[in-house]
Amino acid sequence: MRKIFISFLLFFIMSCSSDSSTASLELKTIQCLMCSAKIEESVAKIDGVKNVSVDLKGQSGKVVYKASLVDMSKIENVITGLGYDVNGKKADPIAYQNLELCCKKPQ
């Protein structure tokens, strides 16, 4: 019985950890803490995202997600839908226009 339990436990641990992916986010259009918080909160709500962090000063971020539940394209679409460029994908122009003034790129 103990061998069965240990085998099950090892299988469970291996299956959970092997599905995790980490990706970098290039966020060249974020301007303030409100931008960072908005991105972190929105991406964290996506089913399958385990962790997200945004570095305002570095205009970058990292996201850890379960590849079986969500892909990077979905994550990028959420960010562009908020009005921010990410990884070379352009922000939704209407969403960008609706951003607070402090969140827009200086002209």
Protein backbone atom coordinates (compact mmCIF):
# COMPACT_ATOMS: atom_id res chain seq x y z
CA MET A 1 0.00 0.00 0.00
CA ARG A 2 2.83 2.39 0.84
CA LYS A 3 4.47 1.81 -2.57
CA ILE A 4 1.19 2.63 -4.30
CA PHE A 5 0.84 5.84 -2.32
CA ILE A 6 4.42 6.93 -3.07
CA SER A 7 3.98 6.10 -6.76
CA PHE A 8 0.77 8.11 -6.90
CA LEU A 9 2.39 11.04 -5.12
CA LEU A 10 5.38 11.07 -7.50
CA PHE A 11 3.07 10.87 -10.52
CA PHE A 12 0.99 13.77 -9.22
CA ILE A 13 4.03 15.96 -8.55
CA MET A 14 5.56 15.24 -11.95
CA SER A 15 2.33 15.87 -13.83
CA CYS A 16 1.74 19.21 -12.10
CA SER A 17 5.22 20.62 -12.52
CA SER A 18 5.90 19.60 -16.11
CA ASP A 19 3.02 21.69 -17.48
CA SER A 20 4.38 24.99 -16.20
CA SER A 21 5.88 27.50 -18.65
CA THR A 22 7.59 30.81 -18.00
CA ALA A 23 7.62 33.63 -20.53
CA SER A 24 9.04 37.12 -20.67
CA LEU A 25 6.94 40.16 -21.43
CA GLU A 26 8.38 43.15 -23.27
CA LEU A 27 6.21 46.08 -22.15
CA LYS A 28 7.80 49.13 -23.79
CA THR A 29 4.68 51.31 -23.52
CA ILE A 30 3.98 51.12 -19.77
CA GLN A 31 4.46 54.47 -18.03
CA CYS A 32 3.37 54.28 -14.39
CA LEU A 33 2.45 52.04 -11.46
CA MET A 34 -1.17 52.09 -12.57
CA CYS A 35 -0.11 50.47 -15.86
CA SER A 36 1.83 47.77 -14.01
CA ALA A 37 -1.00 47.04 -11.60
CA LYS A 38 -3.60 46.90 -14.36
CA ILE A 39 -1.56 44.40 -16.35
CA GLU A 40 -0.75 42.25 -13.31
CA GLU A 41 -4.37 42.15 -12.15
CA SER A 42 -5.80 41.37 -15.58
CA VAL A 43 -3.28 38.67 -16.48
CA ALA A 44 -3.61 37.07 -13.04
CA LYS A 45 -7.34 36.56 -13.70
CA ILE A 46 -6.66 34.38 -16.76
CA ASP A 47 -7.40 30.72 -16.04
CA GLY A 48 -4.08 28.88 -15.99
CA VAL A 49 -1.86 31.80 -15.01
CA LYS A 50 0.06 30.94 -11.86
CA ASN A 51 2.11 34.11 -11.37
CA VAL A 52 2.71 37.41 -13.12
CA SER A 53 5.04 40.26 -12.26
CA VAL A 54 5.72 43.54 -14.03
CA ASP A 55 8.91 45.56 -13.69
CA LEU A 56 8.01 49.19 -14.42
CA LYS A 57 11.58 50.46 -14.50
CA GLY A 58 12.69 47.68 -16.85
CA GLN A 59 9.46 47.87 -18.87
CA SER A 60 9.26 44.11 -18.75
CA GLY A 61 7.58 41.28 -16.97
CA LYS A 62 7.40 37.56 -16.42
CA VAL A 63 4.45 35.23 -16.44
CA VAL A 64 4.25 31.64 -15.23
CA TYR A 65 1.33 29.68 -16.64
CA LYS A 66 -0.02 26.19 -17.27
CA ALA A 67 0.51 25.53 -20.97
CA SER A 68 -2.35 23.02 -21.06
CA LEU A 69 -4.83 25.73 -20.03
CA VAL A 70 -3.57 28.91 -21.70
CA ASP A 71 -1.06 29.91 -24.33
CA MET A 72 1.10 32.98 -24.69
CA SER A 73 -1.09 34.38 -27.46
CA LYS A 74 -4.07 34.60 -25.08
CA ILE A 75 -1.94 36.41 -22.48
CA GLU A 76 -0.63 38.86 -25.08
CA ASN A 77 -4.17 39.49 -26.37
CA VAL A 78 -5.35 40.41 -22.88
CA ILE A 79 -2.50 42.92 -22.52
CA THR A 80 -3.01 44.49 -25.97
CA GLY A 81 -6.73 44.65 -25.17
CA LEU A 82 -5.88 46.81 -22.16
CA GLY A 83 -4.13 49.32 -24.42
CA TYR A 84 -0.47 48.30 -24.07
CA ASP A 85 2.07 46.93 -26.57
CA VAL A 86 3.58 43.58 -25.61
CA ASN A 87 6.29 41.47 -27.25
CA GLY A 88 6.07 43.43 -30.49
CA LYS A 89 2.26 43.23 -30.71
CA LYS A 90 0.56 46.61 -30.95
CA ALA A 91 -2.02 47.75 -28.42
CA ASP A 92 -5.69 47.94 -29.34
CA PRO A 93 -6.00 51.58 -30.53
CA ILE A 94 -9.40 52.15 -28.91
CA ALA A 95 -8.21 50.73 -25.58
CA TYR A 96 -5.09 52.91 -25.81
CA GLN A 97 -7.21 56.04 -26.33
CA ASN A 98 -9.22 55.16 -23.21
CA LEU A 99 -6.13 54.93 -20.97
CA GLU A 100 -5.56 57.56 -18.31
CA LEU A 101 -3.28 60.39 -19.46
CA CYS A 102 -0.42 59.18 -17.22
CA CYS A 103 -0.54 55.77 -18.94
CA LYS A 104 0.01 57.14 -22.44
CA LYS A 105 3.42 57.52 -24.03
CA PRO A 106 4.83 61.07 -23.89
CA GLN A 107 4.59 62.79 -27.25
